[in-house]
N, C-alpha and C. Protein backbone atom coordinates (compact mmCIF):
# COMPACT_ATOMS: atom_id res chain seq x y z
N MET A 1 22.90 -2.57 13.61
CA MET A 1 24.02 -2.38 13.23
C MET A 1 24.98 -3.64 13.08
N THR A 2 25.19 -3.85 11.88
CA THR A 2 26.27 -5.18 12.13
C THR A 2 27.56 -4.55 12.73
N PRO A 3 28.38 -5.89 13.08
CA PRO A 3 29.61 -5.76 13.44
C PRO A 3 30.53 -4.82 12.10
N GLU A 4 30.14 -5.43 11.13
CA GLU A 4 31.04 -4.65 10.05
C GLU A 4 30.66 -3.26 9.57
N GLU A 5 29.14 -2.85 9.73
CA GLU A 5 28.29 -1.49 9.72
C GLU A 5 28.96 -0.65 10.70
N TYR A 6 29.17 -1.14 12.37
CA TYR A 6 29.34 -0.59 12.93
C TYR A 6 31.09 -0.17 13.06
N ALA A 7 32.31 -0.96 12.49
CA ALA A 7 33.41 -0.49 12.34
C ALA A 7 33.76 0.24 11.26
N ASP A 8 32.63 0.25 10.15
CA ASP A 8 33.19 1.73 9.29
C ASP A 8 32.30 2.50 9.71
N TRP A 9 31.17 2.81 10.51
CA TRP A 9 30.68 4.23 11.27
C TRP A 9 31.71 4.53 11.86
N ILE A 10 32.78 3.94 12.96
CA ILE A 10 33.43 4.01 13.47
C ILE A 10 34.77 4.67 12.65
N GLU A 11 35.10 4.20 11.64
CA GLU A 11 36.78 4.12 10.78
C GLU A 11 36.13 5.82 10.01
N ALA A 12 34.79 5.90 9.90
CA ALA A 12 34.12 7.49 9.22
C ALA A 12 34.43 8.70 9.92
N GLY A 13 34.23 8.37 11.62
CA GLY A 13 34.64 9.15 12.34
C GLY A 13 36.11 9.50 12.59
N ARG A 14 36.67 8.43 12.72
CA ARG A 14 38.16 8.30 12.74
C ARG A 14 38.89 9.13 11.45
N LEU A 15 38.49 8.92 10.15
CA LEU A 15 38.92 9.50 9.27
C LEU A 15 38.73 11.40 9.16
N LEU A 16 37.53 11.19 9.61
CA LEU A 16 37.57 12.97 9.82
C LEU A 16 38.25 13.72 10.37
N PHE A 17 38.19 12.93 12.03
CA PHE A 17 39.21 13.68 12.83
C PHE A 17 40.43 14.02 12.42
N ALA A 18 40.79 12.88 11.90
CA ALA A 18 42.43 13.19 11.17
C ALA A 18 42.56 13.88 10.51
N GLY A 19 41.70 14.24 9.54
CA GLY A 19 41.81 15.93 8.93
C GLY A 19 42.23 16.54 9.12
N PRO A 20 42.31 18.00 8.61
CA PRO A 20 42.57 19.29 8.93
C PRO A 20 41.40 19.81 9.36
N VAL A 21 41.74 20.36 11.09
CA VAL A 21 41.07 21.37 11.77
C VAL A 21 41.84 22.60 12.33
N ASP A 22 41.40 23.43 11.99
CA ASP A 22 41.85 24.25 12.03
C ASP A 22 40.79 25.73 12.77
N PHE A 23 41.27 26.82 13.78
CA PHE A 23 40.55 28.01 14.46
C PHE A 23 40.59 28.87 13.47
N GLU A 24 39.06 29.00 13.24
CA GLU A 24 38.42 30.04 12.34
C GLU A 24 38.38 31.16 12.70
N ARG A 25 37.39 31.39 13.40
CA ARG A 25 37.46 32.87 14.04
C ARG A 25 36.66 32.44 15.57
N GLY A 26 36.62 33.76 16.74
CA GLY A 26 36.11 34.01 17.52
C GLY A 26 34.97 34.91 17.27
N VAL A 27 34.04 34.91 17.82
CA VAL A 27 32.44 35.61 17.12
C VAL A 27 32.00 36.39 18.94
N PRO A 28 32.21 37.83 18.62
CA PRO A 28 31.84 38.06 19.86
C PRO A 28 30.39 38.62 19.81
N SER A 29 29.99 39.01 18.34
CA SER A 29 28.69 39.52 18.41
C SER A 29 28.25 39.02 17.43
N MET A 30 26.84 38.73 16.56
CA MET A 30 26.10 38.01 15.87
C MET A 30 27.14 38.99 14.37
N GLU A 31 26.78 39.45 14.64
CA GLU A 31 27.32 39.92 12.51
C GLU A 31 28.67 39.44 12.34
N PHE A 32 29.38 38.94 13.14
CA PHE A 32 30.77 38.38 12.97
C PHE A 32 30.54 37.14 12.50
N LEU A 33 29.38 36.50 12.84
CA LEU A 33 29.35 34.98 12.39
C LEU A 33 29.71 34.62 10.91
N PRO A 34 30.60 33.62 10.95
CA PRO A 34 30.80 33.31 9.41
C PRO A 34 29.50 33.09 8.58
N ASP A 35 30.01 32.96 7.03
CA ASP A 35 28.73 32.46 6.41
C ASP A 35 28.41 31.38 6.46
N GLU A 36 26.69 30.89 6.49
CA GLU A 36 26.37 29.92 6.34
C GLU A 36 26.43 28.63 5.39
N GLY A 37 26.12 27.99 5.57
CA GLY A 37 26.47 26.43 4.15
C GLY A 37 27.31 25.37 5.01
N THR A 38 28.12 25.58 5.43
CA THR A 38 29.17 24.13 6.31
C THR A 38 28.03 23.79 7.27
N PRO A 39 27.98 22.61 7.49
CA PRO A 39 27.22 22.15 8.57
C PRO A 39 28.10 22.33 9.58
N GLU A 40 27.25 22.51 11.22
CA GLU A 40 27.78 23.02 12.54
C GLU A 40 27.50 22.25 13.55
N VAL A 41 28.31 21.83 14.40
CA VAL A 41 27.77 21.10 15.48
C VAL A 41 28.73 21.69 16.43
N ALA A 42 27.50 22.37 17.61
CA ALA A 42 28.04 23.11 18.73
C ALA A 42 28.17 22.48 20.32
N PHE A 43 28.78 22.73 20.70
CA PHE A 43 29.41 22.26 21.91
C PHE A 43 28.38 22.85 23.27
N ALA A 44 28.31 22.61 23.97
CA ALA A 44 27.42 23.51 25.24
C ALA A 44 27.96 22.97 26.69
N GLY A 45 27.47 23.56 27.39
CA GLY A 45 27.38 22.40 28.75
C GLY A 45 28.19 23.91 30.04
N ARG A 46 27.70 23.20 31.38
CA ARG A 46 27.94 24.09 32.66
C ARG A 46 29.30 24.63 32.46
N SER A 47 29.73 25.78 32.79
CA SER A 47 31.26 26.26 33.08
C SER A 47 31.95 25.16 33.98
N ASN A 48 33.40 25.25 33.26
CA ASN A 48 34.39 24.05 33.73
C ASN A 48 34.02 22.51 33.35
N VAL A 49 32.79 21.68 32.58
CA VAL A 49 32.18 20.93 32.39
C VAL A 49 33.20 20.22 31.65
N GLY A 50 34.18 20.53 31.05
CA GLY A 50 35.50 20.21 30.16
C GLY A 50 34.84 19.98 28.49
N LYS A 51 34.39 21.12 27.57
CA LYS A 51 34.24 21.20 26.50
C LYS A 51 35.43 21.42 25.53
N SER A 52 36.38 22.19 25.86
CA SER A 52 37.80 22.44 25.19
C SER A 52 38.72 21.62 25.27
N SER A 53 38.41 20.86 26.65
CA SER A 53 39.20 19.37 26.45
C SER A 53 38.80 18.21 25.56
N LEU A 54 36.96 18.50 25.80
CA LEU A 54 37.00 17.29 24.70
C LEU A 54 36.93 17.80 23.15
N ILE A 55 37.08 18.90 22.89
CA ILE A 55 37.08 19.23 21.56
C ILE A 55 38.60 18.74 21.57
N ASN A 56 39.35 19.17 22.33
CA ASN A 56 40.90 19.14 21.92
C ASN A 56 40.65 17.27 21.52
N ALA A 57 40.52 16.49 22.62
CA ALA A 57 40.65 15.23 22.78
C ALA A 57 40.40 14.46 21.25
N LEU A 58 38.76 14.87 20.83
CA LEU A 58 38.23 14.76 19.77
C LEU A 58 39.29 14.93 18.39
N THR A 59 39.77 15.77 18.29
CA THR A 59 40.56 16.40 17.47
C THR A 59 42.11 16.29 17.42
N GLY A 60 42.68 15.07 18.50
CA GLY A 60 43.86 14.69 18.46
C GLY A 60 44.82 16.20 18.85
N ARG A 61 44.33 17.25 18.97
CA ARG A 61 44.97 18.66 19.70
C ARG A 61 45.35 19.12 20.53
N ASN A 62 46.28 19.27 21.63
CA ASN A 62 46.38 19.08 22.70
C ASN A 62 45.94 20.92 22.95
N LYS A 63 46.35 22.02 21.72
CA LYS A 63 45.70 23.40 22.17
C LYS A 63 45.12 23.69 21.09
N LEU A 64 44.26 23.28 20.82
CA LEU A 64 43.36 23.64 19.73
C LEU A 64 42.44 24.39 19.87
N ALA A 65 41.51 24.10 21.42
CA ALA A 65 40.47 24.79 21.71
C ALA A 65 41.26 24.86 23.49
N ARG A 66 41.10 26.29 23.77
CA ARG A 66 42.09 26.76 25.15
C ARG A 66 41.36 26.00 26.21
N ALA A 67 41.79 25.46 27.02
CA ALA A 67 41.51 24.87 28.03
C ALA A 67 41.88 25.72 29.66
N SER A 68 40.73 25.66 30.37
CA SER A 68 40.56 26.49 31.79
C SER A 68 40.43 25.70 32.92
N THR A 69 41.14 25.77 34.18
CA THR A 69 40.34 25.38 35.56
C THR A 69 39.04 26.91 35.77
N GLU A 70 39.59 27.55 35.00
CA GLU A 70 38.43 28.81 35.50
C GLU A 70 37.27 29.15 35.13
N PRO A 71 36.39 29.30 35.60
CA PRO A 71 34.53 28.74 35.19
C PRO A 71 34.96 30.12 34.36
N GLY A 72 34.26 30.00 33.29
CA GLY A 72 33.42 31.21 32.18
C GLY A 72 35.23 31.70 31.14
N ARG A 73 36.01 31.01 31.07
CA ARG A 73 37.08 31.16 30.29
C ARG A 73 36.59 31.67 29.00
N THR A 74 36.13 31.04 28.14
CA THR A 74 35.28 30.85 27.10
C THR A 74 34.40 32.10 26.92
N ARG A 75 34.49 33.26 26.04
CA ARG A 75 33.43 34.57 26.48
C ARG A 75 32.88 34.68 25.39
N GLU A 76 33.17 33.96 23.62
CA GLU A 76 32.60 33.96 22.51
C GLU A 76 32.52 32.92 21.91
N LEU A 77 31.60 32.73 20.77
CA LEU A 77 31.63 31.41 20.13
C LEU A 77 32.76 31.07 19.18
N ASN A 78 33.43 30.03 19.21
CA ASN A 78 34.93 29.91 18.48
C ASN A 78 34.90 29.20 17.87
N PHE A 79 34.63 29.18 16.34
CA PHE A 79 34.59 28.00 15.36
C PHE A 79 35.91 27.30 14.90
N PHE A 80 35.34 26.06 14.49
CA PHE A 80 36.35 25.40 14.32
C PHE A 80 36.58 25.01 13.07
N ARG A 81 36.97 24.87 11.43
CA ARG A 81 36.74 24.53 10.87
C ARG A 81 37.39 23.33 10.22
N MET A 82 36.94 21.76 9.72
CA MET A 82 37.31 20.65 9.52
C MET A 82 37.34 20.87 8.10
N GLY A 83 38.16 21.42 7.05
CA GLY A 83 37.82 21.85 5.83
C GLY A 83 36.46 22.16 5.17
N GLU A 84 36.05 21.57 3.96
CA GLU A 84 34.87 22.03 3.53
C GLU A 84 33.48 21.28 4.17
N ARG A 85 33.82 20.18 5.35
CA ARG A 85 32.95 19.27 5.52
C ARG A 85 32.01 19.76 7.13
N LEU A 86 32.83 20.34 7.91
CA LEU A 86 32.19 20.68 9.09
C LEU A 86 32.93 21.85 10.09
N ARG A 87 31.72 22.49 10.55
CA ARG A 87 32.47 23.24 11.46
C ARG A 87 32.29 22.67 13.19
N LEU A 88 33.47 22.82 14.11
CA LEU A 88 32.61 22.77 15.67
C LEU A 88 32.79 23.96 16.34
N VAL A 89 31.58 24.50 17.05
CA VAL A 89 31.26 25.29 17.54
C VAL A 89 31.83 25.41 19.11
N ASP A 90 32.60 26.28 19.89
CA ASP A 90 32.53 25.71 21.35
C ASP A 90 31.83 27.16 21.88
N LEU A 91 30.84 26.77 22.85
CA LEU A 91 30.27 27.66 22.79
C LEU A 91 30.64 28.04 24.29
N PRO A 92 30.26 29.71 24.94
CA PRO A 92 30.52 29.88 26.40
C PRO A 92 29.35 28.87 27.44
N GLY A 93 30.25 28.45 28.76
CA GLY A 93 29.74 27.90 29.14
C GLY A 93 28.72 28.84 29.82
N TYR A 94 27.78 28.12 30.66
CA TYR A 94 26.64 28.65 31.82
C TYR A 94 26.40 28.25 33.01
N GLY A 95 26.02 28.49 33.93
CA GLY A 95 26.03 28.45 35.29
C GLY A 95 27.50 29.59 35.88
N TYR A 96 27.68 28.72 36.83
CA TYR A 96 28.85 29.79 37.49
C TYR A 96 30.33 29.95 36.58
N ALA A 97 30.59 31.32 36.81
CA ALA A 97 31.81 31.78 35.88
C ALA A 97 32.02 33.04 36.82
N LYS A 98 33.61 33.29 36.27
CA LYS A 98 34.36 34.23 37.35
C LYS A 98 34.31 35.55 36.28
N ALA A 99 33.21 36.25 36.27
CA ALA A 99 33.11 37.38 35.23
C ALA A 99 32.00 38.58 35.80
N PRO A 100 31.91 39.33 35.37
CA PRO A 100 31.17 40.48 35.86
C PRO A 100 29.64 39.70 34.63
N LYS A 101 28.36 40.26 36.16
CA LYS A 101 27.13 39.97 35.32
C LYS A 101 27.03 40.19 34.15
N ALA A 102 27.51 41.74 33.48
CA ALA A 102 26.88 42.16 32.21
C ALA A 102 27.99 41.26 31.38
N GLU A 103 29.27 40.73 31.71
CA GLU A 103 29.83 40.15 30.87
C GLU A 103 29.05 38.65 30.40
N ILE A 104 28.29 38.15 31.53
CA ILE A 104 28.06 37.27 31.70
C ILE A 104 26.44 36.79 30.48
N GLY A 105 25.47 38.33 30.96
CA GLY A 105 24.65 38.09 30.09
C GLY A 105 24.93 38.31 28.78
N ARG A 106 25.90 39.09 28.08
CA ARG A 106 25.84 39.35 26.73
C ARG A 106 26.63 37.96 26.28
N TRP A 107 27.47 36.94 26.89
CA TRP A 107 27.73 36.33 26.10
C TRP A 107 26.49 34.98 26.45
N THR A 108 25.62 35.16 27.54
CA THR A 108 24.53 34.36 27.16
C THR A 108 23.27 34.45 26.19
N ALA A 109 23.20 35.75 26.21
CA ALA A 109 22.20 36.25 24.90
C ALA A 109 22.90 35.90 23.77
N LEU A 110 24.21 35.80 23.50
CA LEU A 110 24.70 35.80 22.11
C LEU A 110 24.64 34.31 21.87
N THR A 111 25.03 32.96 22.83
CA THR A 111 24.68 31.83 22.35
C THR A 111 23.39 31.22 21.77
N ARG A 112 21.92 32.39 23.19
CA ARG A 112 20.66 32.05 22.74
C ARG A 112 20.32 32.38 21.31
N ASP A 113 20.44 33.28 20.77
CA ASP A 113 20.52 33.98 19.52
C ASP A 113 21.11 33.28 18.22
N TYR A 114 22.25 32.77 18.42
CA TYR A 114 22.87 31.71 18.12
C TYR A 114 21.72 30.51 17.69
N LEU A 115 21.85 29.74 19.01
CA LEU A 115 21.32 28.31 18.71
C LEU A 115 19.61 28.81 18.19
N ARG A 116 19.38 30.08 18.24
CA ARG A 116 17.85 30.05 17.82
C ARG A 116 17.61 30.19 16.48
N GLY A 117 18.70 30.62 15.64
CA GLY A 117 18.55 31.11 14.70
C GLY A 117 19.53 30.58 13.56
N ARG A 118 20.47 29.76 13.93
CA ARG A 118 21.34 28.74 12.77
C ARG A 118 21.15 27.60 11.71
N SER A 119 20.49 28.28 10.89
CA SER A 119 20.15 26.99 9.99
C SER A 119 21.11 25.81 9.69
N THR A 120 22.20 25.83 9.42
CA THR A 120 23.12 24.76 9.30
C THR A 120 23.59 24.44 10.73
N LEU A 121 23.31 24.66 11.70
CA LEU A 121 23.36 24.01 12.98
C LEU A 121 22.86 22.17 13.00
N LYS A 122 23.47 21.72 13.34
CA LYS A 122 23.02 20.06 12.55
C LYS A 122 22.81 19.72 14.53
N ARG A 123 23.32 19.95 15.27
CA ARG A 123 23.47 19.32 16.52
C ARG A 123 23.88 20.03 17.52
N VAL A 124 23.44 19.83 18.85
CA VAL A 124 24.18 20.75 20.15
C VAL A 124 24.60 19.24 20.51
N VAL A 125 25.65 19.67 21.19
CA VAL A 125 26.33 18.27 21.87
C VAL A 125 26.27 19.42 23.42
N LEU A 126 25.77 18.44 24.18
CA LEU A 126 25.31 19.07 25.67
C LEU A 126 26.11 18.49 26.69
N LEU A 127 27.32 19.07 27.21
CA LEU A 127 27.82 18.13 28.16
C LEU A 127 27.53 18.18 29.21
N ILE A 128 27.86 16.97 30.20
CA ILE A 128 27.23 16.98 31.56
C ILE A 128 28.18 16.07 32.24
N ASP A 129 28.71 16.77 33.69
CA ASP A 129 29.74 16.41 34.40
C ASP A 129 29.01 15.00 34.92
N GLY A 130 29.89 13.83 34.44
CA GLY A 130 29.74 12.76 34.68
C GLY A 130 29.95 12.33 36.50
N ARG A 131 30.48 13.32 36.82
CA ARG A 131 30.63 12.86 38.56
C ARG A 131 29.21 13.43 39.12
N HIS A 132 27.94 14.17 38.60
CA HIS A 132 27.33 14.68 38.74
C HIS A 132 26.00 14.92 38.75
N GLY A 133 25.87 14.32 37.23
CA GLY A 133 24.72 14.06 36.75
C GLY A 133 23.48 15.20 35.96
N LEU A 134 22.74 15.58 35.75
CA LEU A 134 22.12 16.37 35.28
C LEU A 134 21.71 17.41 36.84
N LYS A 135 21.91 18.71 35.96
CA LYS A 135 21.90 20.12 37.38
C LYS A 135 20.66 20.83 36.60
N PRO A 136 20.10 21.41 37.53
CA PRO A 136 19.20 22.23 37.07
C PRO A 136 19.06 23.45 35.93
N ASP A 137 20.38 23.97 35.94
CA ASP A 137 20.74 24.92 34.20
C ASP A 137 20.75 23.67 33.35
N ASP A 138 20.92 22.74 33.33
CA ASP A 138 21.13 21.49 31.98
C ASP A 138 19.63 21.56 31.61
N LYS A 139 18.70 21.25 32.74
CA LYS A 139 17.31 21.11 32.29
C LYS A 139 16.86 22.23 31.73
N ASP A 140 17.04 23.56 32.12
CA ASP A 140 16.96 24.63 31.85
C ASP A 140 17.54 25.16 29.87
N VAL A 141 18.55 24.30 29.87
CA VAL A 141 19.25 24.35 28.29
C VAL A 141 17.75 23.44 27.74
N MET A 142 17.84 22.64 28.05
CA MET A 142 17.27 21.13 27.61
C MET A 142 15.44 22.06 26.73
N ASP A 143 15.31 22.43 28.08
CA ASP A 143 13.79 23.25 27.79
C ASP A 143 13.91 24.33 26.67
N ALA A 144 15.58 24.78 26.78
CA ALA A 144 15.08 26.27 25.24
C ALA A 144 15.55 25.49 23.90
N LEU A 145 16.53 24.17 23.76
CA LEU A 145 16.22 23.69 22.65
C LEU A 145 15.13 22.98 22.21
N ASP A 146 14.24 21.92 23.11
CA ASP A 146 13.53 21.53 23.05
C ASP A 146 12.41 22.71 22.19
N LYS A 147 12.02 23.80 22.88
CA LYS A 147 11.15 24.76 22.65
C LYS A 147 11.73 25.42 21.10
N ALA A 148 13.07 24.97 20.78
CA ALA A 148 13.88 25.89 19.51
C ALA A 148 14.03 24.62 18.44
N ALA A 149 13.35 23.61 18.73
CA ALA A 149 13.36 22.26 17.86
C ALA A 149 14.89 22.22 17.26
N VAL A 150 15.63 22.30 18.22
CA VAL A 150 17.25 22.08 18.16
C VAL A 150 17.70 20.91 18.57
N THR A 151 18.19 19.78 17.50
CA THR A 151 18.68 18.25 18.29
C THR A 151 19.85 18.38 19.11
N TYR A 152 20.11 18.12 20.33
CA TYR A 152 21.15 17.80 21.36
C TYR A 152 21.33 16.67 21.56
N GLN A 153 22.36 16.63 21.62
CA GLN A 153 22.93 14.50 21.99
C GLN A 153 23.17 14.85 23.19
N LEU A 154 23.23 14.58 24.63
CA LEU A 154 23.69 14.61 25.95
C LEU A 154 25.49 13.40 25.95
N VAL A 155 26.28 13.96 26.28
CA VAL A 155 27.54 13.55 26.20
C VAL A 155 27.95 14.03 28.40
N LEU A 156 27.89 12.39 28.65
CA LEU A 156 29.24 12.60 29.81
C LEU A 156 30.57 12.64 29.82
N THR A 157 30.76 13.77 30.77
CA THR A 157 32.38 14.39 30.59
C THR A 157 32.82 13.72 31.87
N LYS A 158 34.61 13.33 31.68
CA LYS A 158 34.83 13.00 33.24
C LYS A 158 34.38 11.73 33.81
N ALA A 159 34.45 10.66 32.84
CA ALA A 159 33.42 9.27 33.00
C ALA A 159 34.71 8.76 34.10
N ASP A 160 36.24 8.89 33.59
CA ASP A 160 37.06 7.95 34.44
C ASP A 160 37.33 8.41 35.82
N LYS A 161 36.50 9.67 36.34
CA LYS A 161 36.52 9.97 37.84
C LYS A 161 35.48 9.51 38.48
N VAL A 162 34.96 8.49 38.10
CA VAL A 162 33.91 7.48 38.44
C VAL A 162 33.81 6.19 38.27
N LYS A 163 33.71 5.38 39.34
CA LYS A 163 33.16 3.84 38.92
C LYS A 163 32.38 3.45 37.54
N PRO A 164 33.23 2.40 36.87
CA PRO A 164 31.83 2.23 35.66
C PRO A 164 30.48 1.99 36.19
N THR A 165 30.45 1.31 37.03
CA THR A 165 29.17 0.89 37.50
C THR A 165 27.98 2.15 37.70
N GLU A 166 29.09 2.92 38.11
CA GLU A 166 27.99 4.35 38.53
C GLU A 166 28.12 5.00 37.08
N ILE A 167 28.99 5.15 36.02
CA ILE A 167 28.83 6.13 34.92
C ILE A 167 27.46 5.18 34.26
N GLU A 168 27.36 3.56 33.95
CA GLU A 168 26.25 3.07 33.60
C GLU A 168 24.84 3.44 34.27
N ALA A 169 25.00 3.63 35.56
CA ALA A 169 23.70 4.09 35.94
C ALA A 169 23.16 4.92 35.96
N LEU A 170 24.53 6.24 35.34
CA LEU A 170 24.22 7.22 35.26
C LEU A 170 24.01 7.41 33.96
N VAL A 171 24.24 6.69 32.83
CA VAL A 171 23.89 6.73 31.32
C VAL A 171 22.36 6.14 31.80
N ALA A 172 21.90 4.99 32.20
CA ALA A 172 20.57 4.79 32.42
C ALA A 172 19.75 5.87 32.87
N ALA A 173 19.77 6.26 33.96
CA ALA A 173 19.14 7.26 34.44
C ALA A 173 18.98 8.78 33.45
N THR A 174 19.64 8.58 32.82
CA THR A 174 20.26 10.12 31.80
C THR A 174 18.53 9.85 30.75
N LYS A 175 18.94 8.61 30.29
CA LYS A 175 18.32 8.29 29.17
C LYS A 175 16.57 8.10 29.64
N ASP A 176 16.57 7.89 30.82
CA ASP A 176 15.50 7.99 31.57
C ASP A 176 14.84 9.29 31.76
N ALA A 177 15.63 10.07 31.36
CA ALA A 177 15.11 11.88 31.62
C ALA A 177 15.11 12.43 30.41
N ILE A 178 15.43 12.00 29.60
CA ILE A 178 15.17 12.86 28.59
C ILE A 178 14.28 11.81 27.25
N ALA A 179 14.08 10.61 27.68
CA ALA A 179 12.90 10.01 26.95
C ALA A 179 12.11 10.57 26.39
N LYS A 180 11.05 11.70 27.31
CA LYS A 180 10.39 12.23 26.67
C LYS A 180 10.27 13.63 25.67
N ARG A 181 11.76 14.01 25.57
CA ARG A 181 12.14 15.19 25.26
C ARG A 181 12.12 15.14 23.64
N PRO A 182 11.41 16.11 23.10
CA PRO A 182 11.37 16.03 21.69
C PRO A 182 12.43 15.94 20.80
N ALA A 183 13.43 17.24 21.25
CA ALA A 183 14.76 17.22 20.39
C ALA A 183 15.76 16.48 20.99
N ALA A 184 15.81 15.62 22.30
CA ALA A 184 16.61 14.80 22.20
C ALA A 184 17.10 13.97 21.48
N HIS A 185 18.41 13.71 21.49
CA HIS A 185 18.80 12.37 20.70
C HIS A 185 19.23 11.42 21.68
N PRO A 186 18.38 10.43 21.01
CA PRO A 186 18.33 9.39 22.07
C PRO A 186 19.57 8.37 23.01
N GLU A 187 20.57 8.32 21.93
CA GLU A 187 21.83 7.70 22.42
C GLU A 187 22.68 8.77 23.45
N ILE A 188 22.85 8.61 24.27
CA ILE A 188 23.82 8.60 25.65
C ILE A 188 25.56 8.32 25.43
N VAL A 189 26.33 9.61 25.28
CA VAL A 189 28.21 8.89 25.04
C VAL A 189 28.31 9.56 26.19
N ALA A 190 29.04 8.33 27.12
CA ALA A 190 30.13 8.55 28.62
C ALA A 190 31.44 8.89 27.59
N THR A 191 32.14 9.49 27.92
CA THR A 191 33.61 9.83 27.54
C THR A 191 34.74 10.12 29.16
N SER A 192 35.40 10.30 28.18
CA SER A 192 37.11 10.76 29.14
C SER A 192 38.01 11.29 28.11
N SER A 193 38.26 12.71 28.27
CA SER A 193 39.33 13.04 27.06
C SER A 193 40.43 12.81 28.24
N GLU A 194 40.87 12.31 28.81
CA GLU A 194 42.13 11.55 29.92
C GLU A 194 42.12 10.55 29.58
N THR A 195 41.16 9.46 29.24
CA THR A 195 41.58 7.91 28.67
C THR A 195 41.07 7.71 27.19
N GLY A 196 40.32 8.24 26.75
CA GLY A 196 39.90 8.43 25.38
C GLY A 196 38.53 7.72 25.49
N LEU A 197 37.99 7.58 26.50
CA LEU A 197 36.79 6.41 26.59
C LEU A 197 35.88 7.36 25.84
N GLY A 198 35.50 6.65 24.64
CA GLY A 198 34.05 7.12 24.04
C GLY A 198 34.12 8.27 22.61
N ILE A 199 35.50 8.56 23.08
CA ILE A 199 35.87 9.36 21.73
C ILE A 199 35.66 9.02 20.26
N ASP A 200 36.15 7.97 20.46
CA ASP A 200 35.70 6.98 18.96
C ASP A 200 34.11 6.86 18.49
N VAL A 201 33.14 6.54 19.58
CA VAL A 201 31.66 6.86 19.71
C VAL A 201 31.51 8.23 19.01
N LEU A 202 31.46 9.44 19.53
CA LEU A 202 30.94 10.42 19.61
C LEU A 202 32.14 10.99 18.37
N ARG A 203 32.63 11.11 17.53
CA ARG A 203 33.57 11.54 16.71
C ARG A 203 32.68 10.59 15.52
N ALA A 204 32.16 9.19 15.63
CA ALA A 204 31.21 8.60 14.83
C ALA A 204 29.92 8.92 14.37
N GLU A 205 29.25 9.53 16.06
CA GLU A 205 28.14 10.20 15.63
C GLU A 205 28.68 12.04 14.58
N ILE A 206 29.38 11.95 15.48
CA ILE A 206 29.56 13.60 14.70
C ILE A 206 29.49 13.45 12.90
N ALA A 207 30.54 12.74 12.76
CA ALA A 207 31.00 12.60 11.10
C ALA A 207 29.58 12.03 10.42
N ALA A 208 28.39 11.27 10.85
CA ALA A 208 27.22 11.63 10.04
C ALA A 208 26.79 12.21 10.10
N LEU A 209 26.83 13.59 10.63
CA LEU A 209 26.20 15.10 10.28
C LEU A 209 27.11 15.50 9.13
N ALA A 210 28.29 15.66 9.23
CA ALA A 210 28.85 16.11 8.33
C ALA A 210 28.66 16.00 6.36
C-alpha cells in the first residue's frame, strides 16, 4: 500500500465512524435478531476485556455502549446501526462473569448460535487483553470460529498499560500463534481506548467491510 493509498484507507475509516451511529436493539434470543442485509462486525472477548470501551472509542461516543468494571455486564447481543452501511454487534463476554450459571449458559448459547448462522456477519473482532495475551478461553473461541469458517481479527486492548516493546513482542507472538489458523485475519491491531492508539487503523479495517 502506497502512502497515498494508506491515507485514503485511514480517511475512509474516519468518515464512516464520523457518520450516524445509533443503538438499534438488545437481542435476548435468536427470534429478536434484526433482519439480515446490512453487513455486521461483531466484537467478542473475555469478560472485562474492554469491548464496550473500544466501541465507544471507535465511534467517538462515550456512552454508546455501556462500559462496566463488573465482568459479565453485557448479557444480550447489542446491535448498533451505522446508517445503512454497517452494524456493530457487542457480544456478551466469555470466561469469568458475576452471574448465575444458568444465565451464563443462556447467553453463551445465544452467542454461539449467532456466530454460526449469521450470513451478514463479515468479521468477528476478537479482543485480547494486551497485558496478558492469549488465554485458553480465547483459543477455544478461535477453534470454534475456525470450525465455523467465520473470519476473525485479533485486537489487543489496553496497550497503554504495558511498555511499547512488550506490546511489539506480544503482537509478534500473537501473529505466530494464529499463523496456521484458517479463519484468522493476519493483521493484529494494538489499541488503547484511553490514548486512541490503533483506533484509526481499526476503523479503517472495519470500514473496508462496509
